[in-house]
Amino acid sequence: MGIAYHANYFIWFEVARCDLLRAYGETYRKLETEGIYLPVVEAHCRYVLPARYDDRLTIETQAILKSQVRIEFRYKLERSEDQESLATGHTVHASTDTHGKPKRLPKRLQTLLT
């Protein structure tokens, strides 16, 4: 069909989320070595226009601390060449320990997100 598969948007959101954490000086790997996991508990995407193969994309990402154990990431996906909006979305992540039990985010991360 010449357009990007709808599930790819969530992959792009994940890449953007990892890049944002890295920009804050954090990584998923670092958090996991501390016994903190951030599973997705909610995901939403509103498709505005299709991304086409070979489009260069820009994703604006924002992280919002919802509580001591939840983070919401918001995404705006645009075509780089014309800044045309392609999609918006969000994911909500729970902070858990290795057994899936809620665990507070480190204070340093809470501070970064407030």
PDB file of N, CA and C in Angstrom:
ATOM      1  N   MET A   1       0.812  -1.197   0.000  1.00  0.00           N
ATOM      2  CA  MET A   1       0.000   0.000   0.000  1.00  0.00           C
ATOM      3  C   MET A   1       0.857   1.264   0.000  1.00  0.00           C
ATOM      4  N   GLY A   2       2.158   1.119   0.215  1.00  0.00           N
ATOM      5  CA  GLY A   2       3.038   2.277   0.188  1.00  0.00           C
ATOM      6  C   GLY A   2       3.047   3.102   1.461  1.00  0.00           C
ATOM      7  N   ILE A   3       2.380   2.595   2.508  1.00  0.00           N
ATOM      8  CA  ILE A   3       2.370   3.328   3.774  1.00  0.00           C
ATOM      9  C   ILE A   3       2.945   2.451   4.876  1.00  0.00           C
ATOM     10  N   ALA A   4       3.391   3.101   5.933  1.00  0.00           N
ATOM     11  CA  ALA A   4       3.986   2.382   7.057  1.00  0.00           C
ATOM     12  C   ALA A   4       2.915   1.595   7.814  1.00  0.00           C
ATOM     13  N   TYR A   5       3.263   0.407   8.227  1.00  0.00           N
ATOM     14  CA  TYR A   5       2.384  -0.454   9.006  1.00  0.00           C
ATOM     15  C   TYR A   5       2.047   0.221  10.333  1.00  0.00           C
ATOM     16  N   HIS A   6       0.795   0.162  10.744  1.00  0.00           N
ATOM     17  CA  HIS A   6       0.322   0.911  11.915  1.00  0.00           C
ATOM     18  C   HIS A   6       1.084   0.580  13.199  1.00  0.00           C
ATOM     19  N   ALA A   7       1.506  -0.656  13.391  1.00  0.00           N
ATOM     20  CA  ALA A   7       2.205  -1.030  14.626  1.00  0.00           C
ATOM     21  C   ALA A   7       3.600  -0.423  14.705  1.00  0.00           C
ATOM     22  N   ASN A   8       4.166  -0.025  13.560  1.00  0.00           N
ATOM     23  CA  ASN A   8       5.493   0.603  13.578  1.00  0.00           C
ATOM     24  C   ASN A   8       5.509   1.890  14.383  1.00  0.00           C
ATOM     25  N   TYR A   9       4.377   2.561  14.476  1.00  0.00           N
ATOM     26  CA  TYR A   9       4.325   3.811  15.228  1.00  0.00           C
ATOM     27  C   TYR A   9       4.725   3.573  16.681  1.00  0.00           C
ATOM     28  N   PHE A  10       4.314   2.443  17.237  1.00  0.00           N
ATOM     29  CA  PHE A  10       4.662   2.150  18.627  1.00  0.00           C
ATOM     30  C   PHE A  10       6.152   1.830  18.767  1.00  0.00           C
ATOM     31  N   ILE A  11       6.741   1.258  17.739  1.00  0.00           N
ATOM     32  CA  ILE A  11       8.190   1.039  17.743  1.00  0.00           C
ATOM     33  C   ILE A  11       8.898   2.386  17.714  1.00  0.00           C
ATOM     34  N   TRP A  12       8.416   3.302  16.864  1.00  0.00           N
ATOM     35  CA  TRP A  12       9.022   4.631  16.805  1.00  0.00           C
ATOM     36  C   TRP A  12       8.854   5.358  18.131  1.00  0.00           C
ATOM     37  N   PHE A  13       7.712   5.192  18.778  1.00  0.00           N
ATOM     38  CA  PHE A  13       7.511   5.793  20.099  1.00  0.00           C
ATOM     39  C   PHE A  13       8.541   5.243  21.089  1.00  0.00           C
ATOM     40  N   GLU A  14       8.792   3.940  21.025  1.00  0.00           N
ATOM     41  CA  GLU A  14       9.759   3.334  21.941  1.00  0.00           C
ATOM     42  C   GLU A  14      11.161   3.899  21.723  1.00  0.00           C
ATOM     43  N   VAL A  15      11.555   4.033  20.476  1.00  0.00           N
ATOM     44  CA  VAL A  15      12.869   4.602  20.175  1.00  0.00           C
ATOM     45  C   VAL A  15      12.957   6.029  20.717  1.00  0.00           C
ATOM     46  N   ALA A  16      11.914   6.817  20.504  1.00  0.00           N
ATOM     47  CA  ALA A  16      11.893   8.201  20.987  1.00  0.00           C
ATOM     48  C   ALA A  16      11.963   8.258  22.508  1.00  0.00           C
ATOM     49  N   ARG A  17      11.248   7.349  23.169  1.00  0.00           N
ATOM     50  CA  ARG A  17      11.251   7.290  24.636  1.00  0.00           C
ATOM     51  C   ARG A  17      12.643   6.954  25.159  1.00  0.00           C
ATOM     52  N   CYS A  18      13.302   5.992  24.536  1.00  0.00           N
ATOM     53  CA  CYS A  18      14.666   5.626  24.946  1.00  0.00           C
ATOM     54  C   CYS A  18      15.624   6.790  24.739  1.00  0.00           C
ATOM     55  N   ASP A  19      15.479   7.497  23.619  1.00  0.00           N
ATOM     56  CA  ASP A  19      16.329   8.659  23.352  1.00  0.00           C
ATOM     57  C   ASP A  19      16.100   9.765  24.375  1.00  0.00           C
ATOM     58  N   LEU A  20      14.843   9.976  24.767  1.00  0.00           N
ATOM     59  CA  LEU A  20      14.558  11.004  25.772  1.00  0.00           C
ATOM     60  C   LEU A  20      15.197  10.646  27.108  1.00  0.00           C
ATOM     61  N   LEU A  21      15.051   9.398  27.536  1.00  0.00           N
ATOM     62  CA  LEU A  21      15.681   8.981  28.791  1.00  0.00           C
ATOM     63  C   LEU A  21      17.195   9.162  28.717  1.00  0.00           C
ATOM     64  N   ARG A  22      17.772   8.812  27.580  1.00  0.00           N
ATOM     65  CA  ARG A  22      19.221   8.973  27.386  1.00  0.00           C
ATOM     66  C   ARG A  22      19.613  10.452  27.492  1.00  0.00           C
ATOM     67  N   ALA A  23      18.788  11.333  26.939  1.00  0.00           N
ATOM     68  CA  ALA A  23      19.058  12.773  27.026  1.00  0.00           C
ATOM     69  C   ALA A  23      19.016  13.253  28.479  1.00  0.00           C
ATOM     70  N   TYR A  24      18.228  12.583  29.309  1.00  0.00           N
ATOM     71  CA  TYR A  24      18.164  12.893  30.743  1.00  0.00           C
ATOM     72  C   TYR A  24      19.299  12.242  31.530  1.00  0.00           C
ATOM     73  N   GLY A  25      20.151  11.474  30.842  1.00  0.00           N
ATOM     74  CA  GLY A  25      21.245  10.795  31.525  1.00  0.00           C
ATOM     75  C   GLY A  25      20.841   9.454  32.113  1.00  0.00           C
ATOM     76  N   GLU A  26      19.714   8.930  31.679  1.00  0.00           N
ATOM     77  CA  GLU A  26      19.203   7.638  32.140  1.00  0.00           C
ATOM     78  C   GLU A  26      19.099   6.694  30.954  1.00  0.00           C
ATOM     79  N   THR A  27      19.091   5.401  31.220  1.00  0.00           N
ATOM     80  CA  THR A  27      18.820   4.408  30.188  1.00  0.00           C
ATOM     81  C   THR A  27      17.982   3.305  30.819  1.00  0.00           C
ATOM     82  N   TYR A  28      17.264   2.591  29.970  1.00  0.00           N
ATOM     83  CA  TYR A  28      16.526   1.440  30.467  1.00  0.00           C
ATOM     84  C   TYR A  28      17.480   0.430  31.102  1.00  0.00           C
ATOM     85  N   ARG A  29      18.609   0.224  30.479  1.00  0.00           N
ATOM     86  CA  ARG A  29      19.571  -0.752  31.007  1.00  0.00           C
ATOM     87  C   ARG A  29      20.015  -0.373  32.414  1.00  0.00           C
ATOM     88  N   LYS A  30      20.314   0.912  32.615  1.00  0.00           N
ATOM     89  CA  LYS A  30      20.737   1.380  33.945  1.00  0.00           C
ATOM     90  C   LYS A  30      19.631   1.152  34.968  1.00  0.00           C
ATOM     91  N   LEU A  31      18.395   1.489  34.602  1.00  0.00           N
ATOM     92  CA  LEU A  31      17.283   1.283  35.528  1.00  0.00           C
ATOM     93  C   LEU A  31      17.099  -0.196  35.842  1.00  0.00           C
ATOM     94  N   GLU A  32      17.221  -1.042  34.828  1.00  0.00           N
ATOM     95  CA  GLU A  32      17.041  -2.473  35.051  1.00  0.00           C
ATOM     96  C   GLU A  32      18.135  -3.052  35.942  1.00  0.00           C
ATOM     97  N   THR A  33      19.360  -2.531  35.861  1.00  0.00           N
ATOM     98  CA  THR A  33      20.409  -3.021  36.767  1.00  0.00           C
ATOM     99  C   THR A  33      20.110  -2.629  38.214  1.00  0.00           C
ATOM    100  N   GLU A  34      19.257  -1.615  38.384  1.00  0.00           N
ATOM    101  CA  GLU A  34      18.824  -1.202  39.720  1.00  0.00           C
ATOM    102  C   GLU A  34      17.540  -1.917  40.137  1.00  0.00           C
ATOM    103  N   GLY A  35      17.081  -2.853  39.307  1.00  0.00           N
ATOM    104  CA  GLY A  35      15.875  -3.612  39.631  1.00  0.00           C
ATOM    105  C   GLY A  35      14.592  -2.859  39.350  1.00  0.00           C
ATOM    106  N   ILE A  36      14.645  -1.889  38.431  1.00  0.00           N
ATOM    107  CA  ILE A  36      13.469  -1.099  38.078  1.00  0.00           C
ATOM    108  C   ILE A  36      13.108  -1.368  36.618  1.00  0.00           C
ATOM    109  N   TYR A  37      11.854  -1.762  36.408  1.00  0.00           N
ATOM    110  CA  TYR A  37      11.351  -2.025  35.064  1.00  0.00           C
ATOM    111  C   TYR A  37      10.198  -1.067  34.785  1.00  0.00           C
ATOM    112  N   LEU A  38      10.018  -0.719  33.517  1.00  0.00           N
ATOM    113  CA  LEU A  38       8.970   0.220  33.122  1.00  0.00           C
ATOM    114  C   LEU A  38       8.051  -0.387  32.062  1.00  0.00           C
ATOM    115  N   PRO A  39       7.260  -1.396  32.429  1.00  0.00           N
ATOM    116  CA  PRO A  39       6.354  -1.979  31.438  1.00  0.00           C
ATOM    117  C   PRO A  39       5.256  -0.997  31.024  1.00  0.00           C
ATOM    118  N   VAL A  40       4.831  -1.126  29.785  1.00  0.00           N
ATOM    119  CA  VAL A  40       3.730  -0.318  29.267  1.00  0.00           C
ATOM    120  C   VAL A  40       2.429  -0.861  29.850  1.00  0.00           C
ATOM    121  N   VAL A  41       1.628   0.028  30.438  1.00  0.00           N
ATOM    122  CA  VAL A  41       0.325  -0.383  30.965  1.00  0.00           C
ATOM    123  C   VAL A  41      -0.824   0.249  30.168  1.00  0.00           C
ATOM    124  N   GLU A  42      -0.483   1.191  29.293  1.00  0.00           N
ATOM    125  CA  GLU A  42      -1.484   1.821  28.429  1.00  0.00           C
ATOM    126  C   GLU A  42      -0.761   2.368  27.210  1.00  0.00           C
ATOM    127  N   ALA A  43      -1.371   2.226  26.037  1.00  0.00           N
ATOM    128  CA  ALA A  43      -0.790   2.765  24.804  1.00  0.00           C
ATOM    129  C   ALA A  43      -1.902   3.268  23.906  1.00  0.00           C
ATOM    130  N   HIS A  44      -1.658   4.424  23.297  1.00  0.00           N
ATOM    131  CA  HIS A  44      -2.657   5.020  22.415  1.00  0.00           C
ATOM    132  C   HIS A  44      -1.951   5.727  21.266  1.00  0.00           C
ATOM    133  N   CYS A  45      -2.521   5.623  20.074  1.00  0.00           N
ATOM    134  CA  CYS A  45      -2.016   6.348  18.915  1.00  0.00           C
ATOM    135  C   CYS A  45      -3.204   6.868  18.116  1.00  0.00           C
ATOM    136  N   ARG A  46      -3.151   8.141  17.773  1.00  0.00           N
ATOM    137  CA  ARG A  46      -4.154   8.748  16.893  1.00  0.00           C
ATOM    138  C   ARG A  46      -3.460   9.021  15.571  1.00  0.00           C
ATOM    139  N   TYR A  47      -3.879   8.316  14.549  1.00  0.00           N
ATOM    140  CA  TYR A  47      -3.286   8.439  13.225  1.00  0.00           C
ATOM    141  C   TYR A  47      -3.952   9.596  12.487  1.00  0.00           C
ATOM    142  N   VAL A  48      -3.159  10.551  12.032  1.00  0.00           N
ATOM    143  CA  VAL A  48      -3.687  11.723  11.332  1.00  0.00           C
ATOM    144  C   VAL A  48      -3.500  11.558   9.827  1.00  0.00           C
ATOM    145  N   LEU A  49      -2.273  11.328   9.413  1.00  0.00           N
ATOM    146  CA  LEU A  49      -1.924  11.079   8.015  1.00  0.00           C
ATOM    147  C   LEU A  49      -0.936   9.923   7.974  1.00  0.00           C
ATOM    148  N   PRO A  50      -0.897   9.181   6.909  1.00  0.00           N
ATOM    149  CA  PRO A  50       0.028   8.040   6.864  1.00  0.00           C
ATOM    150  C   PRO A  50       1.476   8.464   6.651  1.00  0.00           C
ATOM    151  N   ALA A  51       2.363   7.755   7.333  1.00  0.00           N
ATOM    152  CA  ALA A  51       3.787   7.850   7.020  1.00  0.00           C
ATOM    153  C   ALA A  51       4.008   6.945   5.815  1.00  0.00           C
ATOM    154  N   ARG A  52       4.796   7.412   4.891  1.00  0.00           N
ATOM    155  CA  ARG A  52       5.064   6.642   3.672  1.00  0.00           C
ATOM    156  C   ARG A  52       6.494   6.127   3.719  1.00  0.00           C
ATOM    157  N   TYR A  53       6.733   5.070   2.977  1.00  0.00           N
ATOM    158  CA  TYR A  53       8.075   4.518   2.938  1.00  0.00           C
ATOM    159  C   TYR A  53       9.059   5.589   2.504  1.00  0.00           C
ATOM    160  N   ASP A  54      10.207   5.610   3.141  1.00  0.00           N
ATOM    161  CA  ASP A  54      11.295   6.564   2.914  1.00  0.00           C
ATOM    162  C   ASP A  54      11.019   7.955   3.463  1.00  0.00           C
ATOM    163  N   ASP A  55       9.903   8.187   4.153  1.00  0.00           N
ATOM    164  CA  ASP A  55       9.712   9.465   4.835  1.00  0.00           C
ATOM    165  C   ASP A  55      10.747   9.594   5.941  1.00  0.00           C
ATOM    166  N   ARG A  56      11.282  10.780   6.095  1.00  0.00           N
ATOM    167  CA  ARG A  56      12.118  11.089   7.262  1.00  0.00           C
ATOM    168  C   ARG A  56      11.166  11.609   8.323  1.00  0.00           C
ATOM    169  N   LEU A  57      11.285  11.082   9.540  1.00  0.00           N
ATOM    170  CA  LEU A  57      10.332  11.391  10.596  1.00  0.00           C
ATOM    171  C   LEU A  57      11.006  12.107  11.762  1.00  0.00           C
ATOM    172  N   THR A  58      10.245  12.953  12.410  1.00  0.00           N
ATOM    173  CA  THR A  58      10.665  13.629  13.636  1.00  0.00           C
ATOM    174  C   THR A  58       9.627  13.313  14.696  1.00  0.00           C
ATOM    175  N   ILE A  59      10.095  12.951  15.886  1.00  0.00           N
ATOM    176  CA  ILE A  59       9.173  12.674  16.987  1.00  0.00           C
ATOM    177  C   ILE A  59       9.543  13.566  18.164  1.00  0.00           C
ATOM    178  N   GLU A  60       8.588  14.384  18.580  1.00  0.00           N
ATOM    179  CA  GLU A  60       8.747  15.162  19.810  1.00  0.00           C
ATOM    180  C   GLU A  60       8.210  14.299  20.937  1.00  0.00           C
ATOM    181  N   THR A  61       8.985  14.206  22.016  1.00  0.00           N
ATOM    182  CA  THR A  61       8.600  13.347  23.136  1.00  0.00           C
ATOM    183  C   THR A  61       8.662  14.146  24.428  1.00  0.00           C
ATOM    184  N   GLN A  62       7.677  13.932  25.262  1.00  0.00           N
ATOM    185  CA  GLN A  62       7.611  14.600  26.557  1.00  0.00           C
ATOM    186  C   GLN A  62       7.314  13.541  27.610  1.00  0.00           C
ATOM    187  N   ALA A  63       7.989  13.628  28.743  1.00  0.00           N
ATOM    188  CA  ALA A  63       7.733  12.708  29.853  1.00  0.00           C
ATOM    189  C   ALA A  63       7.087  13.479  30.994  1.00  0.00           C
ATOM    190  N   ILE A  64       6.067  12.878  31.573  1.00  0.00           N
ATOM    191  CA  ILE A  64       5.337  13.499  32.674  1.00  0.00           C
ATOM    192  C   ILE A  64       5.251  12.503  33.820  1.00  0.00           C
ATOM    193  N   LEU A  65       5.705  12.920  34.974  1.00  0.00           N
ATOM    194  CA  LEU A  65       5.606  12.076  36.161  1.00  0.00           C
ATOM    195  C   LEU A  65       4.167  12.120  36.657  1.00  0.00           C
ATOM    196  N   LYS A  66       3.477  10.983  36.604  1.00  0.00           N
ATOM    197  CA  LYS A  66       2.080  10.907  37.036  1.00  0.00           C
ATOM    198  C   LYS A  66       1.973  10.582  38.530  1.00  0.00           C
ATOM    199  N   SER A  67       2.937   9.825  39.035  1.00  0.00           N
ATOM    200  CA  SER A  67       3.004   9.486  40.458  1.00  0.00           C
ATOM    201  C   SER A  67       4.412   8.947  40.708  1.00  0.00           C
ATOM    202  N   GLN A  68       4.677   8.490  41.883  1.00  0.00           N
ATOM    203  CA  GLN A  68       6.004   7.953  42.197  1.00  0.00           C
ATOM    204  C   GLN A  68       6.259   6.615  41.511  1.00  0.00           C
ATOM    205  N   VAL A  69       5.213   6.030  40.908  1.00  0.00           N
ATOM    206  CA  VAL A  69       5.380   4.744  40.230  1.00  0.00           C
ATOM    207  C   VAL A  69       4.833   4.736  38.801  1.00  0.00           C
ATOM    208  N   ARG A  70       4.506   5.924  38.252  1.00  0.00           N
ATOM    209  CA  ARG A  70       3.981   5.985  36.885  1.00  0.00           C
ATOM    210  C   ARG A  70       4.554   7.167  36.115  1.00  0.00           C
ATOM    211  N   ILE A  71       4.875   6.880  34.851  1.00  0.00           N
ATOM    212  CA  ILE A  71       5.345   7.913  33.924  1.00  0.00           C
ATOM    213  C   ILE A  71       4.467   7.847  32.681  1.00  0.00           C
ATOM    214  N   GLU A  72       4.092   9.019  32.186  1.00  0.00           N
ATOM    215  CA  GLU A  72       3.399   9.085  30.900  1.00  0.00           C
ATOM    216  C   GLU A  72       4.338   9.754  29.897  1.00  0.00           C
ATOM    217  N   PHE A  73       4.475   9.132  28.744  1.00  0.00           N
ATOM    218  CA  PHE A  73       5.242   9.716  27.644  1.00  0.00           C
ATOM    219  C   PHE A  73       4.244  10.125  26.575  1.00  0.00           C
ATOM    220  N   ARG A  74       4.396  11.346  26.054  1.00  0.00           N
ATOM    221  CA  ARG A  74       3.533  11.852  24.984  1.00  0.00           C
ATOM    222  C   ARG A  74       4.377  12.061  23.736  1.00  0.00           C
ATOM    223  N   TYR A  75       3.786  11.755  22.583  1.00  0.00           N
ATOM    224  CA  TYR A  75       4.524  11.772  21.323  1.00  0.00           C
ATOM    225  C   TYR A  75       3.782  12.569  20.259  1.00  0.00           C
ATOM    226  N   LYS A  76       4.552  13.307  19.468  1.00  0.00           N
ATOM    227  CA  LYS A  76       4.039  13.976  18.264  1.00  0.00           C
ATOM    228  C   LYS A  76       4.954  13.573  17.124  1.00  0.00           C
ATOM    229  N   LEU A  77       4.398  12.888  16.145  1.00  0.00           N
ATOM    230  CA  LEU A  77       5.158  12.394  15.002  1.00  0.00           C
ATOM    231  C   LEU A  77       4.871  13.273  13.794  1.00  0.00           C
ATOM    232  N   GLU A  78       5.950  13.766  13.168  1.00  0.00           N
ATOM    233  CA  GLU A  78       5.818  14.630  11.999  1.00  0.00           C
ATOM    234  C   GLU A  78       6.719  14.135  10.877  1.00  0.00           C
ATOM    235  N   ARG A  79       6.343  14.467   9.656  1.00  0.00           N
ATOM    236  CA  ARG A  79       7.219  14.254   8.515  1.00  0.00           C
ATOM    237  C   ARG A  79       8.247  15.387   8.552  1.00  0.00           C
ATOM    238  N   SER A  80       9.517  15.056   8.526  1.00  0.00           N
ATOM    239  CA  SER A  80      10.576  16.050   8.699  1.00  0.00           C
ATOM    240  C   SER A  80      10.573  17.113   7.613  1.00  0.00           C
ATOM    241  N   GLU A  81      10.325  16.724   6.377  1.00  0.00           N
ATOM    242  CA  GLU A  81      10.440  17.654   5.258  1.00  0.00           C
ATOM    243  C   GLU A  81       9.448  18.806   5.322  1.00  0.00           C
ATOM    244  N   ASP A  82       8.213  18.531   5.749  1.00  0.00           N
ATOM    245  CA  ASP A  82       7.185  19.576   5.725  1.00  0.00           C
ATOM    246  C   ASP A  82       6.523  19.814   7.090  1.00  0.00           C
ATOM    247  N   GLN A  83       7.034  19.162   8.133  1.00  0.00           N
ATOM    248  CA  GLN A  83       6.494  19.269   9.497  1.00  0.00           C
ATOM    249  C   GLN A  83       5.001  18.946   9.563  1.00  0.00           C
ATOM    250  N   GLU A  84       4.529  18.145   8.623  1.00  0.00           N
ATOM    251  CA  GLU A  84       3.125  17.753   8.624  1.00  0.00           C
ATOM    252  C   GLU A  84       2.891  16.723   9.733  1.00  0.00           C
ATOM    253  N   SER A  85       1.865  16.938  10.540  1.00  0.00           N
ATOM    254  CA  SER A  85       1.546  16.037  11.639  1.00  0.00           C
ATOM    255  C   SER A  85       1.026  14.714  11.097  1.00  0.00           C
ATOM    256  N   LEU A  86       1.647  13.614  11.532  1.00  0.00           N
ATOM    257  CA  LEU A  86       1.234  12.283  11.099  1.00  0.00           C
ATOM    258  C   LEU A  86       0.488  11.528  12.189  1.00  0.00           C
ATOM    259  N   ALA A  87       0.894  11.736  13.442  1.00  0.00           N
ATOM    260  CA  ALA A  87       0.253  11.008  14.540  1.00  0.00           C
ATOM    261  C   ALA A  87       0.602  11.661  15.869  1.00  0.00           C
ATOM    262  N   THR A  88      -0.261  11.416  16.836  1.00  0.00           N
ATOM    263  CA  THR A  88       0.026  11.761  18.226  1.00  0.00           C
ATOM    264  C   THR A  88      -0.277  10.521  19.050  1.00  0.00           C
ATOM    265  N   GLY A  89       0.325  10.444  20.207  1.00  0.00           N
ATOM    266  CA  GLY A  89       0.052   9.287  21.043  1.00  0.00           C
ATOM    267  C   GLY A  89       0.637   9.435  22.424  1.00  0.00           C
ATOM    268  N   HIS A  90       0.394   8.437  23.219  1.00  0.00           N
ATOM    269  CA  HIS A  90       0.996   8.397  24.556  1.00  0.00           C
ATOM    270  C   HIS A  90       1.116   6.950  25.020  1.00  0.00           C
ATOM    271  N   THR A  91       2.038   6.750  25.931  1.00  0.00           N
ATOM    272  CA  THR A  91       2.160   5.475  26.630  1.00  0.00           C
ATOM    273  C   THR A  91       2.291   5.783  28.113  1.00  0.00           C
ATOM    274  N   VAL A  92       1.724   4.922  28.929  1.00  0.00           N
ATOM    275  CA  VAL A  92       1.850   5.039  30.377  1.00  0.00           C
ATOM    276  C   VAL A  92       2.617   3.813  30.851  1.00  0.00           C
ATOM    277  N   HIS A  93       3.581   4.047  31.742  1.00  0.00           N
ATOM    278  CA  HIS A  93       4.468   2.994  32.226  1.00  0.00           C
ATOM    279  C   HIS A  93       4.406   2.929  33.744  1.00  0.00           C
ATOM    280  N   ALA A  94       4.294   1.722  34.251  1.00  0.00           N
ATOM    281  CA  ALA A  94       4.368   1.497  35.691  1.00  0.00           C
ATOM    282  C   ALA A  94       5.808   1.181  36.035  1.00  0.00           C
ATOM    283  N   SER A  95       6.245   1.643  37.172  1.00  0.00           N
ATOM    284  CA  SER A  95       7.569   1.301  37.669  1.00  0.00           C
ATOM    285  C   SER A  95       7.409   0.072  38.567  1.00  0.00           C
ATOM    286  N   THR A  96       8.108  -1.013  38.202  1.00  0.00           N
ATOM    287  CA  THR A  96       7.973  -2.256  38.972  1.00  0.00           C
ATOM    288  C   THR A  96       9.348  -2.818  39.326  1.00  0.00           C
ATOM    289  N   ASP A  97       9.324  -3.764  40.260  1.00  0.00           N
ATOM    290  CA  ASP A  97      10.544  -4.506  40.566  1.00  0.00           C
ATOM    291  C   ASP A  97      10.628  -5.710  39.625  1.00  0.00           C
ATOM    292  N   THR A  98      11.591  -6.574  39.850  1.00  0.00           N
ATOM    293  CA  THR A  98      11.800  -7.717  38.964  1.00  0.00           C
ATOM    294  C   THR A  98      10.640  -8.718  38.998  1.00  0.00           C
ATOM    295  N   HIS A  99       9.793  -8.623  40.019  1.00  0.00           N
ATOM    296  CA  HIS A  99       8.651  -9.538  40.148  1.00  0.00           C
ATOM    297  C   HIS A  99       7.343  -8.890  39.701  1.00  0.00           C
ATOM    298  N   GLY A 100       7.418  -7.679  39.149  1.00  0.00           N
ATOM    299  CA  GLY A 100       6.216  -7.007  38.671  1.00  0.00           C
ATOM    300  C   GLY A 100       5.446  -6.248  39.735  1.00  0.00           C
ATOM    301  N   LYS A 101       6.024  -6.121  40.915  1.00  0.00           N
ATOM    302  CA  LYS A 101       5.379  -5.372  41.996  1.00  0.00           C
ATOM    303  C   LYS A 101       5.736  -3.896  41.872  1.00  0.00           C
ATOM    304  N   PRO A 102       4.812  -2.984  42.183  1.00  0.00           N
ATOM    305  CA  PRO A 102       5.123  -1.551  42.094  1.00  0.00           C
ATOM    306  C   PRO A 102       6.361  -1.193  42.910  1.00  0.00           C
ATOM    307  N   LYS A 103       7.190  -0.341  42.326  1.00  0.00           N
ATOM    308  CA  LYS A 103       8.414   0.123  42.987  1.00  0.00           C
ATOM    309  C   LYS A 103       8.606   1.592  42.626  1.00  0.00           C
ATOM    310  N   ARG A 104       8.881   2.403  43.614  1.00  0.00           N
ATOM    311  CA  ARG A 104       9.069   3.835  43.371  1.00  0.00           C
ATOM    312  C   ARG A 104      10.220   4.089  42.414  1.00  0.00           C
ATOM    313  N   LEU A 105      10.008   5.080  41.575  1.00  0.00           N
ATOM    314  CA  LEU A 105      11.081   5.525  40.692  1.00  0.00           C
ATOM    315  C   LEU A 105      12.184   6.168  41.531  1.00  0.00           C
ATOM    316  N   PRO A 106      13.424   6.057  41.088  1.00  0.00           N
ATOM    317  CA  PRO A 106      14.491   6.720  41.835  1.00  0.00           C
ATOM    318  C   PRO A 106      14.228   8.226  41.958  1.00  0.00           C
ATOM    319  N   LYS A 107      14.617   8.803  43.074  1.00  0.00           N
ATOM    320  CA  LYS A 107      14.399  10.234  43.294  1.00  0.00           C
ATOM    321  C   LYS A 107      14.985  11.065  42.181  1.00  0.00           C
ATOM    322  N   ARG A 108      16.158  10.673  41.659  1.00  0.00           N
ATOM    323  CA  ARG A 108      16.798  11.458  40.596  1.00  0.00           C
ATOM    324  C   ARG A 108      15.905  11.522  39.355  1.00  0.00           C
ATOM    325  N   LEU A 109      15.199  10.431  39.045  1.00  0.00           N
ATOM    326  CA  LEU A 109      14.302  10.422  37.897  1.00  0.00           C
ATOM    327  C   LEU A 109      13.026  11.212  38.196  1.00  0.00           C
ATOM    328  N   GLN A 110      12.514  11.079  39.407  1.00  0.00           N
ATOM    329  CA  GLN A 110      11.336  11.858  39.806  1.00  0.00           C
ATOM    330  C   GLN A 110      11.637  13.346  39.685  1.00  0.00           C
ATOM    331  N   THR A 111      12.822  13.755  40.130  1.00  0.00           N
ATOM    332  CA  THR A 111      13.225  15.154  40.056  1.00  0.00           C
ATOM    333  C   THR A 111      13.317  15.634  38.617  1.00  0.00           C
ATOM    334  N   LEU A 112      13.880  14.821  37.741  1.00  0.00           N
ATOM    335  CA  LEU A 112      14.002  15.190  36.325  1.00  0.00           C
ATOM    336  C   LEU A 112      12.644  15.403  35.662  1.00  0.00           C
ATOM    337  N   LEU A 113      11.640  14.651  36.095  1.00  0.00           N
ATOM    338  CA  LEU A 113      10.336  14.660  35.438  1.00  0.00           C
ATOM    339  C   LEU A 113       9.324  15.603  36.079  1.00  0.00           C
ATOM    340  N   THR A 114       9.747  16.348  37.089  1.00  0.00           N
ATOM    341  CA  THR A 114       8.807  17.306  37.718  1.00  0.00           C
ATOM    342  C   THR A 114       9.140  18.724  37.327  1.00  0.00           C
TER     343      THR A 114
END
